[in-house]
C-alpha atoms as a PDB file:
ATOM      1  CA  MET A   1       2.108 -33.287  -2.290  1.00  0.00           C
ATOM      2  CA  THR A   2       1.155 -29.855  -0.270  1.00  0.00           C
ATOM      3  CA  ALA A   3       0.884 -26.391  -1.350  1.00  0.00           C
ATOM      4  CA  LYS A   4       3.658 -23.974  -0.791  1.00  0.00           C
ATOM      5  CA  ALA A   5       2.712 -21.447   1.851  1.00  0.00           C
ATOM      6  CA  PRO A   6       2.557 -17.800   0.286  1.00  0.00           C
ATOM      7  CA  ARG A   7       4.976 -15.252   1.343  1.00  0.00           C
ATOM      8  CA  ILE A   8       3.531 -12.188   3.137  1.00  0.00           C
ATOM      9  CA  ARG A   9       5.462  -8.981   1.814  1.00  0.00           C
ATOM     10  CA  ASN A  10       5.491  -5.335   2.978  1.00  0.00           C
ATOM     11  CA  LYS A  11       5.372  -4.118  -0.388  1.00  0.00           C
ATOM     12  CA  LYS A  12       5.912  -0.426   0.353  1.00  0.00           C
ATOM     13  CA  ALA A  13       8.704  -0.973   2.973  1.00  0.00           C
ATOM     14  CA  ARG A  14      11.436  -0.189   0.104  1.00  0.00           C
ATOM     15  CA  PHE A  15       9.538   2.806  -1.205  1.00  0.00           C
ATOM     16  CA  ASN A  16       8.892   4.367   2.181  1.00  0.00           C
ATOM     17  CA  TYR A  17      12.295   3.428   3.883  1.00  0.00           C
ATOM     18  CA  PHE A  18      16.137   3.342   3.293  1.00  0.00           C
ATOM     19  CA  VAL A  19      16.790  -0.259   3.994  1.00  0.00           C
ATOM     20  CA  ASP A  20      20.481  -0.746   5.855  1.00  0.00           C
ATOM     21  CA  GLU A  21      20.370  -4.063   7.141  1.00  0.00           C
ATOM     22  CA  THR A  22      18.352  -7.019   7.283  1.00  0.00           C
ATOM     23  CA  ILE A  23      18.468 -10.201   9.485  1.00  0.00           C
ATOM     24  CA  GLU A  24      16.016 -13.419   9.412  1.00  0.00           C
ATOM     25  CA  ALA A  25      14.319 -14.042  12.798  1.00  0.00           C
ATOM     26  CA  GLY A  26      12.142 -16.877  14.221  1.00  0.00           C
ATOM     27  CA  LEU A  27       8.519 -16.115  14.763  1.00  0.00           C
ATOM     28  CA  VAL A  28       6.704 -17.237  18.193  1.00  0.00           C
ATOM     29  CA  LEU A  29       3.094 -17.958  16.934  1.00  0.00           C
ATOM     30  CA  GLU A  30       0.006 -20.083  18.135  1.00  0.00           C
ATOM     31  CA  GLY A  31      -1.209 -23.057  16.355  1.00  0.00           C
ATOM     32  CA  SER A  32      -4.303 -20.904  14.801  1.00  0.00           C
ATOM     33  CA  GLU A  33      -1.851 -18.164  13.462  1.00  0.00           C
ATOM     34  CA  VAL A  34       0.282 -20.568  11.982  1.00  0.00           C
ATOM     35  CA  LYS A  35      -2.610 -22.188   9.925  1.00  0.00           C
ATOM     36  CA  ALA A  36      -3.940 -18.812   9.054  1.00  0.00           C
ATOM     37  CA  LEU A  37      -0.543 -17.686   7.795  1.00  0.00           C
ATOM     38  CA  ARG A  38      -0.215 -20.875   5.792  1.00  0.00           C
ATOM     39  CA  GLU A  39      -3.607 -19.699   4.176  1.00  0.00           C
ATOM     40  CA  GLY A  40      -1.956 -16.198   3.377  1.00  0.00           C
ATOM     41  CA  LYS A  41      -4.042 -14.367   5.776  1.00  0.00           C
ATOM     42  CA  GLY A  42      -1.392 -12.035   6.998  1.00  0.00           C
ATOM     43  CA  ASN A  43      -0.438  -8.380   6.962  1.00  0.00           C
ATOM     44  CA  ILE A  44       2.755  -6.444   7.712  1.00  0.00           C
ATOM     45  CA  ASP A  45       2.125  -3.224   6.092  1.00  0.00           C
ATOM     46  CA  GLU A  46       1.751  -1.440   9.554  1.00  0.00           C
ATOM     47  CA  ALA A  47       4.036  -3.665  11.378  1.00  0.00           C
ATOM     48  CA  PHE A  48       7.126  -2.659  13.309  1.00  0.00           C
ATOM     49  CA  ALA A  49       9.558  -4.093  15.701  1.00  0.00           C
ATOM     50  CA  ARG A  50      11.093  -2.927  19.047  1.00  0.00           C
ATOM     51  CA  VAL A  51      13.361  -4.153  21.959  1.00  0.00           C
ATOM     52  CA  ARG A  52      11.748  -4.703  25.256  1.00  0.00           C
ATOM     53  CA  ASP A  53      13.518  -6.039  28.090  1.00  0.00           C
ATOM     54  CA  GLY A  54      16.158  -7.476  25.671  1.00  0.00           C
ATOM     55  CA  GLU A  55      13.832  -9.338  23.448  1.00  0.00           C
ATOM     56  CA  VAL A  56      12.430  -8.176  20.142  1.00  0.00           C
ATOM     57  CA  TRP A  57       8.775  -7.954  19.687  1.00  0.00           C
ATOM     58  CA  LEU A  58       6.636  -7.286  16.343  1.00  0.00           C
ATOM     59  CA  TYR A  59       3.776  -5.057  16.736  1.00  0.00           C
ATOM     60  CA  ASN A  60       0.947  -4.277  14.682  1.00  0.00           C
ATOM     61  CA  MET A  61       1.210  -7.548  12.399  1.00  0.00           C
ATOM     62  CA  HIS A  62      -2.198  -8.429  11.409  1.00  0.00           C
ATOM     63  CA  ILE A  63      -3.056 -12.158  11.235  1.00  0.00           C
ATOM     64  CA  GLY A  64      -6.577 -13.053  10.106  1.00  0.00           C
ATOM     65  CA  PRO A  65      -8.426 -15.418  12.238  1.00  0.00           C
ATOM     66  CA  TYR A  66      -8.420 -19.339  10.955  1.00  0.00           C
ATOM     67  CA  THR A  67     -11.962 -20.259  10.488  1.00  0.00           C
ATOM     68  CA  GLN A  68     -11.516 -24.074  11.917  1.00  0.00           C
ATOM     69  CA  ALA A  69     -10.377 -22.543  15.013  1.00  0.00           C
ATOM     70  CA  HIS A  70     -13.834 -21.066  16.206  1.00  0.00           C
ATOM     71  CA  GLN A  71     -13.794 -19.786  19.812  1.00  0.00           C
ATOM     72  CA  PHE A  72     -10.037 -21.151  20.279  1.00  0.00           C
ATOM     73  CA  GLY A  73      -8.825 -18.780  17.760  1.00  0.00           C
ATOM     74  CA  HIS A  74      -6.099 -15.902  18.421  1.00  0.00           C
ATOM     75  CA  ASP A  75      -5.943 -12.017  18.979  1.00  0.00           C
ATOM     76  CA  VAL A  76      -5.386 -11.056  15.491  1.00  0.00           C
ATOM     77  CA  ARG A  77      -3.167  -7.773  16.343  1.00  0.00           C
ATOM     78  CA  ARG A  78      -1.049  -9.180  19.495  1.00  0.00           C
ATOM     79  CA  ALA A  79       2.556  -8.391  19.947  1.00  0.00           C
ATOM     80  CA  ARG A  80       4.689 -11.645  18.798  1.00  0.00           C
ATOM     81  CA  LYS A  81       7.885 -12.614  20.109  1.00  0.00           C
ATOM     82  CA  LEU A  82      10.980 -12.616  17.415  1.00  0.00           C
ATOM     83  CA  LEU A  83      13.723 -15.277  18.006  1.00  0.00           C
ATOM     84  CA  LEU A  84      17.073 -13.895  17.814  1.00  0.00           C
ATOM     85  CA  LYS A  85      20.612 -14.864  19.421  1.00  0.00           C
ATOM     86  CA  LYS A  86      21.654 -12.221  22.127  1.00  0.00           C
ATOM     87  CA  ARG A  87      24.340 -10.923  20.195  1.00  0.00           C
ATOM     88  CA  GLU A  88      22.275 -10.325  17.104  1.00  0.00           C
ATOM     89  CA  ILE A  89      19.986  -8.315  19.296  1.00  0.00           C
ATOM     90  CA  VAL A  90      22.772  -6.316  20.564  1.00  0.00           C
ATOM     91  CA  ARG A  91      24.529  -5.618  17.259  1.00  0.00           C
ATOM     92  CA  PHE A  92      20.859  -4.550  15.574  1.00  0.00           C
ATOM     93  CA  LEU A  93      19.920  -2.582  18.790  1.00  0.00           C
ATOM     94  CA  GLY A  94      22.778  -0.567  18.402  1.00  0.00           C
ATOM     95  CA  LYS A  95      21.947   0.419  14.919  1.00  0.00           C
ATOM     96  CA  ALA A  96      18.222   0.520  15.624  1.00  0.00           C
ATOM     97  CA  VAL A  97      18.407   3.154  18.363  1.00  0.00           C
ATOM     98  CA  GLU A  98      20.420   5.383  15.936  1.00  0.00           C
ATOM     99  CA  LYS A  99      17.831   8.752  15.408  1.00  0.00           C
ATOM    100  CA  GLY A 100      15.499   8.109  12.777  1.00  0.00           C
ATOM    101  CA  MET A 101      16.213   4.536  12.461  1.00  0.00           C
ATOM    102  CA  THR A 102      13.315   1.986  12.901  1.00  0.00           C
ATOM    103  CA  LEU A 103      12.784  -1.736  12.557  1.00  0.00           C
ATOM    104  CA  ILE A 104      10.442  -3.230   9.995  1.00  0.00           C
ATOM    105  CA  PRO A 105       9.512  -6.622   8.460  1.00  0.00           C
ATOM    106  CA  LEU A 106      10.032  -7.136   4.948  1.00  0.00           C
ATOM    107  CA  THR A 107       8.531 -10.557   4.653  1.00  0.00           C
ATOM    108  CA  VAL A 108       6.925 -13.418   6.451  1.00  0.00           C
ATOM    109  CA  TYR A 109       7.543 -16.960   5.077  1.00  0.00           C
ATOM    110  CA  PHE A 110       8.211 -20.527   6.068  1.00  0.00           C
ATOM    111  CA  LYS A 111      11.501 -22.027   6.184  1.00  0.00           C
ATOM    112  CA  ARG A 112      11.649 -25.865   6.642  1.00  0.00           C
ATOM    113  CA  GLY A 113       8.257 -25.568   8.474  1.00  0.00           C
ATOM    114  CA  TRP A 114       9.228 -22.894  10.694  1.00  0.00           C
ATOM    115  CA  ALA A 115       7.628 -19.052  10.481  1.00  0.00           C
ATOM    116  CA  LYS A 116      10.573 -16.650   9.875  1.00  0.00           C
ATOM    117  CA  VAL A 117      10.381 -12.998   9.356  1.00  0.00           C
ATOM    118  CA  GLU A 118      13.094 -10.916   7.462  1.00  0.00           C
ATOM    119  CA  LEU A 119      13.411  -7.882   9.663  1.00  0.00           C
ATOM    120  CA  ALA A 120      15.455  -4.651   8.439  1.00  0.00           C
ATOM    121  CA  VAL A 121      16.775  -1.731  10.041  1.00  0.00           C
ATOM    122  CA  ALA A 122      15.609   0.970   7.882  1.00  0.00           C
ATOM    123  CA  ARG A 123      15.410   4.973   7.939  1.00  0.00           C
ATOM    124  CA  GLY A 124      12.359   6.618   6.544  1.00  0.00           C
ATOM    125  CA  LYS A 125      12.110   8.445   3.406  1.00  0.00           C
ATOM    126  CA  ARG A 126      11.111  11.956   2.770  1.00  0.00           C
ATOM    127  CA  GLU A 127       8.817  13.133   0.297  1.00  0.00           C
ATOM    128  CA  PHE A 128      11.747  14.550  -2.209  1.00  0.00           C
ATOM    129  CA  ASP A 129      13.498  10.929  -1.831  1.00  0.00           C
ATOM    130  CA  LYS A 130      10.292   9.261  -2.927  1.00  0.00           C
ATOM    131  CA  ARG A 131       9.750  11.505  -5.675  1.00  0.00           C
ATOM    132  CA  GLU A 132      13.347  10.651  -6.833  1.00  0.00           C
ATOM    133  CA  THR A 133      12.611   6.863  -6.418  1.00  0.00           C
ATOM    134  CA  LEU A 134       9.491   7.256  -8.861  1.00  0.00           C
ATOM    135  CA  LYS A 135      11.433   9.209 -11.421  1.00  0.00           C
ATOM    136  CA  ARG A 136      14.330   6.703 -11.368  1.00  0.00           C
ATOM    137  CA  ARG A 137      11.742   3.821 -11.551  1.00  0.00           C
ATOM    138  CA  GLU A 138      10.062   5.536 -14.641  1.00  0.00           C
ATOM    139  CA  SER A 139      13.115   6.416 -16.390  1.00  0.00           C
ATOM    140  CA  GLU A 140      14.455   2.753 -16.173  1.00  0.00           C
ATOM    141  CA  ARG A 141      10.879   1.608 -17.563  1.00  0.00           C
ATOM    142  CA  ASP A 142      11.171   4.044 -20.303  1.00  0.00           C
ATOM    143  CA  ILE A 143      14.848   2.712 -21.239  1.00  0.00           C
ATOM    144  CA  ALA A 144      13.804  -0.909 -20.974  1.00  0.00           C
ATOM    145  CA  ARG A 145      10.550  -0.114 -23.393  1.00  0.00           C
ATOM    146  CA  GLU A 146      12.947   1.754 -25.998  1.00  0.00           C
ATOM    147  CA  LEU A 147      15.402  -1.268 -25.938  1.00  0.00           C
ATOM    148  CA  ALA A 148      12.855  -3.649 -26.422  1.00  0.00           C
ATOM    149  CA  ARG A 149      11.343  -1.640 -29.248  1.00  0.00           C
ATOM    150  CA  ARG A 150      14.678  -1.424 -30.872  1.00  0.00           C
ATOM    151  CA  HIS A 151      15.193  -5.014 -30.657  1.00  0.00           C
ATOM    152  CA  ARG A 152      11.674  -5.855 -32.215  1.00  0.00           C
ATOM    153  CA  ARG A 153      12.697  -3.906 -35.333  1.00  0.00           C
ATOM    154  CA  ARG A 154      15.635  -5.906 -36.212  1.00  0.00           C
END
């Protein structure tokens, strides 16, 4: 039995952006990149996607070097092609070209042996939106703490 490959998440994506819609896309990788991702050596915190010549490309995704690949390894920050159907690209592109919208990856994972990326059309949050999110999260935590405390008293 083999170990399950870890999911690589962009933890700050939902804090920094309002996510409108998500879509699953295939990821074109080299052999050493697949091995490195299975070891959990990936980072998508600064990654973004763009449509170029009718194809969607993922930029700034860091996949660390695979140690057994030696000199036959890969470029850690190269642009990687995303596999989407033409109608998905057209529908997604229509939303992505709106003012203030961007394409960001939320997670990278393996599904039936294939590398996939969950891509989102998102709008960047302003500073006051982030403060509001923090206040809401803190109040929800306080409520949950108080309910747990009252439940223990019984």
